[in-house]
Amino acid sequence: MYMMSFLTLGIFWIPQQTQLNHLARSDRSLSWIHILFLFAVSITPFSTTLLAEFSEYRTALLGYWVNILLLGCSLYFSWVGAMGTGLVKDDLPPEVPVAIKRRIVVGQALYAFGAFLCIFNPYWSIAFIVLVQLNYAISPFGRRSRS
């Protein structure tokens, strides 16, 4: 479960760094959104341990999913906030903002489906969430194809 927690944080760390690389500057409001992201990061070991100790209970799984939801929502709102207040670099290609939002929304929808599976079997749910995480860990989004 430690590796699952570490993988989860890595999966969310990469898009946060991608977002930060596209910023020209920051402001106080965006900093508070990133502090919310940091809060979600700080509770991830707790929610992962809860899931590891009580994996047969749906509430442990839902607690883990809420943690992932909080991570995703804070990433989404940081991007929307940065775009809305003009904090992104001027030379950002127009497809990048759409791709970043789409990737977050699709990921959160997949995680939500994984959480929904706990209605049938908590282990199916955990397996699906791990598969989603592995997909995001090995997917090429965000890799630079040119310097």
C-alpha atoms as a PDB file:
ATOM      1  CA  MET A   1       0.000   0.000   0.000  1.00  0.00           C
ATOM      2  CA  TYR A   2       2.963   2.319   0.494  1.00  0.00           C
ATOM      3  CA  MET A   3       3.757   1.940  -3.205  1.00  0.00           C
ATOM      4  CA  MET A   4       0.117   2.649  -4.047  1.00  0.00           C
ATOM      5  CA  SER A   5       0.259   5.841  -1.993  1.00  0.00           C
ATOM      6  CA  PHE A   6       3.564   6.815  -3.565  1.00  0.00           C
ATOM      7  CA  LEU A   7       2.211   6.122  -7.046  1.00  0.00           C
ATOM      8  CA  THR A   8      -0.924   8.165  -6.325  1.00  0.00           C
ATOM      9  CA  LEU A   9       1.135  11.148  -5.219  1.00  0.00           C
ATOM     10  CA  GLY A  10       3.429  10.836  -8.229  1.00  0.00           C
ATOM     11  CA  ILE A  11       0.461  10.733 -10.574  1.00  0.00           C
ATOM     12  CA  PHE A  12      -0.829  14.008  -9.144  1.00  0.00           C
ATOM     13  CA  TRP A  13       2.606  15.612  -8.731  1.00  0.00           C
ATOM     14  CA  ILE A  14       3.402  15.405 -12.455  1.00  0.00           C
ATOM     15  CA  PRO A  15       0.321  17.343 -13.642  1.00  0.00           C
ATOM     16  CA  GLN A  16       0.833  19.919 -10.915  1.00  0.00           C
ATOM     17  CA  GLN A  17       4.395  20.445 -12.149  1.00  0.00           C
ATOM     18  CA  THR A  18       3.122  20.608 -15.733  1.00  0.00           C
ATOM     19  CA  GLN A  19       0.685  23.329 -14.699  1.00  0.00           C
ATOM     20  CA  LEU A  20       3.388  25.259 -12.873  1.00  0.00           C
ATOM     21  CA  ASN A  21       5.625  25.088 -15.948  1.00  0.00           C
ATOM     22  CA  HIS A  22       2.905  26.847 -17.955  1.00  0.00           C
ATOM     23  CA  LEU A  23       2.535  29.752 -15.519  1.00  0.00           C
ATOM     24  CA  ALA A  24       4.036  33.155 -16.191  1.00  0.00           C
ATOM     25  CA  ARG A  25       3.399  34.228 -12.584  1.00  0.00           C
ATOM     26  CA  SER A  26       1.263  33.413  -9.568  1.00  0.00           C
ATOM     27  CA  ASP A  27      -0.959  35.224  -7.115  1.00  0.00           C
ATOM     28  CA  ARG A  28      -2.280  34.784  -3.600  1.00  0.00           C
ATOM     29  CA  SER A  29      -5.475  32.978  -4.644  1.00  0.00           C
ATOM     30  CA  LEU A  30      -3.572  30.420  -6.680  1.00  0.00           C
ATOM     31  CA  SER A  31      -1.206  29.875  -3.760  1.00  0.00           C
ATOM     32  CA  TRP A  32      -4.170  29.038  -1.522  1.00  0.00           C
ATOM     33  CA  ILE A  33      -5.446  26.534  -4.070  1.00  0.00           C
ATOM     34  CA  HIS A  34      -2.008  24.905  -4.045  1.00  0.00           C
ATOM     35  CA  ILE A  35      -2.117  24.841  -0.252  1.00  0.00           C
ATOM     36  CA  LEU A  36      -5.402  22.910  -0.583  1.00  0.00           C
ATOM     37  CA  PHE A  37      -3.549  20.544  -2.927  1.00  0.00           C
ATOM     38  CA  LEU A  38      -0.815  20.198  -0.287  1.00  0.00           C
ATOM     39  CA  PHE A  39      -3.476  19.353   2.308  1.00  0.00           C
ATOM     40  CA  ALA A  40      -4.789  16.570   0.061  1.00  0.00           C
ATOM     41  CA  VAL A  41      -1.222  15.327  -0.380  1.00  0.00           C
ATOM     42  CA  SER A  42      -0.674  15.330   3.383  1.00  0.00           C
ATOM     43  CA  ILE A  43      -3.719  13.111   4.077  1.00  0.00           C
ATOM     44  CA  THR A  44      -2.888  10.592   1.338  1.00  0.00           C
ATOM     45  CA  PRO A  45      -0.761   8.353   3.595  1.00  0.00           C
ATOM     46  CA  PHE A  46      -3.641   8.246   6.093  1.00  0.00           C
ATOM     47  CA  SER A  47      -6.294   7.342   3.521  1.00  0.00           C
ATOM     48  CA  THR A  48      -3.981   4.749   1.947  1.00  0.00           C
ATOM     49  CA  THR A  49      -3.239   3.162   5.337  1.00  0.00           C
ATOM     50  CA  LEU A  50      -6.951   3.106   6.101  1.00  0.00           C
ATOM     51  CA  LEU A  51      -7.551   1.320   2.807  1.00  0.00           C
ATOM     52  CA  ALA A  52      -4.717  -1.135   3.486  1.00  0.00           C
ATOM     53  CA  GLU A  53      -5.956  -1.978   6.981  1.00  0.00           C
ATOM     54  CA  PHE A  54      -9.647  -2.191   6.110  1.00  0.00           C
ATOM     55  CA  SER A  55      -9.738  -3.012   2.395  1.00  0.00           C
ATOM     56  CA  GLU A  56     -12.861  -5.134   2.783  1.00  0.00           C
ATOM     57  CA  TYR A  57     -14.858  -2.126   4.049  1.00  0.00           C
ATOM     58  CA  ARG A  58     -16.424   0.212   1.540  1.00  0.00           C
ATOM     59  CA  THR A  59     -16.008   3.245   3.795  1.00  0.00           C
ATOM     60  CA  ALA A  60     -12.207   2.858   3.742  1.00  0.00           C
ATOM     61  CA  LEU A  61     -12.310   2.751  -0.035  1.00  0.00           C
ATOM     62  CA  LEU A  62     -14.607   5.759  -0.198  1.00  0.00           C
ATOM     63  CA  GLY A  63     -12.260   7.666   2.120  1.00  0.00           C
ATOM     64  CA  TYR A  64      -9.400   6.936  -0.253  1.00  0.00           C
ATOM     65  CA  TRP A  65     -11.509   8.004  -3.217  1.00  0.00           C
ATOM     66  CA  VAL A  66     -12.495  11.278  -1.516  1.00  0.00           C
ATOM     67  CA  ASN A  67      -8.794  11.943  -1.034  1.00  0.00           C
ATOM     68  CA  ILE A  68      -8.202  11.370  -4.764  1.00  0.00           C
ATOM     69  CA  LEU A  69     -11.201  13.561  -5.568  1.00  0.00           C
ATOM     70  CA  LEU A  70      -9.751  16.361  -3.451  1.00  0.00           C
ATOM     71  CA  LEU A  71      -6.401  16.038  -5.223  1.00  0.00           C
ATOM     72  CA  GLY A  72      -8.086  16.161  -8.637  1.00  0.00           C
ATOM     73  CA  CYS A  73     -10.416  19.031  -7.798  1.00  0.00           C
ATOM     74  CA  SER A  74      -7.608  21.157  -6.432  1.00  0.00           C
ATOM     75  CA  LEU A  75      -5.583  20.538  -9.600  1.00  0.00           C
ATOM     76  CA  TYR A  76      -8.583  21.381 -11.781  1.00  0.00           C
ATOM     77  CA  PHE A  77      -9.417  24.577  -9.896  1.00  0.00           C
ATOM     78  CA  SER A  78      -5.798  25.694  -9.846  1.00  0.00           C
ATOM     79  CA  TRP A  79      -5.703  25.411 -13.637  1.00  0.00           C
ATOM     80  CA  VAL A  80      -9.075  27.066 -14.176  1.00  0.00           C
ATOM     81  CA  GLY A  81      -8.094  29.821 -11.739  1.00  0.00           C
ATOM     82  CA  ALA A  82      -4.744  30.398 -13.443  1.00  0.00           C
ATOM     83  CA  MET A  83      -6.415  30.533 -16.851  1.00  0.00           C
ATOM     84  CA  GLY A  84      -9.193  32.811 -15.628  1.00  0.00           C
ATOM     85  CA  THR A  85      -6.849  35.327 -14.045  1.00  0.00           C
ATOM     86  CA  GLY A  86      -4.345  35.371 -16.905  1.00  0.00           C
ATOM     87  CA  LEU A  87      -1.467  33.787 -14.988  1.00  0.00           C
ATOM     88  CA  VAL A  88      -0.431  31.430 -17.797  1.00  0.00           C
ATOM     89  CA  LYS A  89       2.296  32.170 -20.313  1.00  0.00           C
ATOM     90  CA  ASP A  90       1.173  34.067 -23.397  1.00  0.00           C
ATOM     91  CA  ASP A  91       2.774  31.610 -25.819  1.00  0.00           C
ATOM     92  CA  LEU A  92       0.787  28.610 -24.560  1.00  0.00           C
ATOM     93  CA  PRO A  93      -0.610  26.622 -27.510  1.00  0.00           C
ATOM     94  CA  PRO A  94      -4.442  26.735 -27.491  1.00  0.00           C
ATOM     95  CA  GLU A  95      -4.811  22.954 -27.256  1.00  0.00           C
ATOM     96  CA  VAL A  96      -2.839  22.703 -23.986  1.00  0.00           C
ATOM     97  CA  PRO A  97      -5.446  24.240 -21.621  1.00  0.00           C
ATOM     98  CA  VAL A  98      -8.176  22.013 -23.034  1.00  0.00           C
ATOM     99  CA  ALA A  99      -5.967  18.919 -22.818  1.00  0.00           C
ATOM    100  CA  ILE A 100      -5.030  19.626 -19.193  1.00  0.00           C
ATOM    101  CA  LYS A 101      -8.663  20.056 -18.125  1.00  0.00           C
ATOM    102  CA  ARG A 102      -9.792  17.013 -20.112  1.00  0.00           C
ATOM    103  CA  ARG A 103      -7.096  14.815 -18.590  1.00  0.00           C
ATOM    104  CA  ILE A 104      -8.116  15.787 -15.058  1.00  0.00           C
ATOM    105  CA  VAL A 105     -11.838  15.295 -15.722  1.00  0.00           C
ATOM    106  CA  VAL A 106     -11.344  11.920 -17.424  1.00  0.00           C
ATOM    107  CA  GLY A 107      -9.077  10.749 -14.617  1.00  0.00           C
ATOM    108  CA  GLN A 108     -11.562  11.800 -11.961  1.00  0.00           C
ATOM    109  CA  ALA A 109     -14.392  10.075 -13.841  1.00  0.00           C
ATOM    110  CA  LEU A 110     -12.365   6.858 -13.990  1.00  0.00           C
ATOM    111  CA  TYR A 111     -11.597   7.065 -10.279  1.00  0.00           C
ATOM    112  CA  ALA A 112     -15.295   7.698  -9.571  1.00  0.00           C
ATOM    113  CA  PHE A 113     -16.220   4.617 -11.595  1.00  0.00           C
ATOM    114  CA  GLY A 114     -13.648   2.667  -9.606  1.00  0.00           C
ATOM    115  CA  ALA A 115     -15.212   3.880  -6.372  1.00  0.00           C
ATOM    116  CA  PHE A 116     -18.660   2.956  -7.704  1.00  0.00           C
ATOM    117  CA  LEU A 117     -17.462  -0.624  -8.209  1.00  0.00           C
ATOM    118  CA  CYS A 118     -17.223  -1.014  -4.438  1.00  0.00           C
ATOM    119  CA  ILE A 119     -21.011  -1.464  -4.474  1.00  0.00           C
ATOM    120  CA  PHE A 120     -20.360  -4.862  -6.030  1.00  0.00           C
ATOM    121  CA  ASN A 121     -17.007  -5.774  -4.536  1.00  0.00           C
ATOM    122  CA  PRO A 122     -14.377  -3.605  -2.792  1.00  0.00           C
ATOM    123  CA  TYR A 123     -11.550  -5.627  -4.328  1.00  0.00           C
ATOM    124  CA  TRP A 124     -12.822  -4.987  -7.867  1.00  0.00           C
ATOM    125  CA  SER A 125     -12.854  -1.331  -6.981  1.00  0.00           C
ATOM    126  CA  ILE A 126      -9.281  -1.361  -5.674  1.00  0.00           C
ATOM    127  CA  ALA A 127      -8.087  -3.327  -8.716  1.00  0.00           C
ATOM    128  CA  PHE A 128      -9.726  -0.853 -11.101  1.00  0.00           C
ATOM    129  CA  ILE A 129      -8.240   2.149  -9.277  1.00  0.00           C
ATOM    130  CA  VAL A 130      -4.786   0.546  -9.430  1.00  0.00           C
ATOM    131  CA  LEU A 131      -5.248  -0.020 -13.185  1.00  0.00           C
ATOM    132  CA  VAL A 132      -6.219   3.642 -13.639  1.00  0.00           C
ATOM    133  CA  GLN A 133      -3.137   4.677 -11.695  1.00  0.00           C
ATOM    134  CA  LEU A 134      -0.874   2.425 -13.755  1.00  0.00           C
ATOM    135  CA  ASN A 135      -2.366   3.883 -16.935  1.00  0.00           C
ATOM    136  CA  TYR A 136      -1.638   7.422 -15.783  1.00  0.00           C
ATOM    137  CA  ALA A 137       1.818   6.450 -14.563  1.00  0.00           C
ATOM    138  CA  ILE A 138       2.917   5.124 -17.956  1.00  0.00           C
ATOM    139  CA  SER A 139       0.931   7.386 -20.297  1.00  0.00           C
ATOM    140  CA  PRO A 140       2.989   9.814 -22.382  1.00  0.00           C
ATOM    141  CA  PHE A 141       1.026  13.026 -21.598  1.00  0.00           C
ATOM    142  CA  GLY A 142       3.257  15.823 -20.484  1.00  0.00           C
ATOM    143  CA  ARG A 143       6.469  14.369 -21.891  1.00  0.00           C
ATOM    144  CA  ARG A 144       8.319  16.820 -24.051  1.00  0.00           C
ATOM    145  CA  SER A 145       8.724  15.650 -27.603  1.00  0.00           C
ATOM    146  CA  ARG A 146      11.003  18.554 -28.486  1.00  0.00           C
ATOM    147  CA  SER A 147      13.235  20.914 -26.538  1.00  0.00           C
END
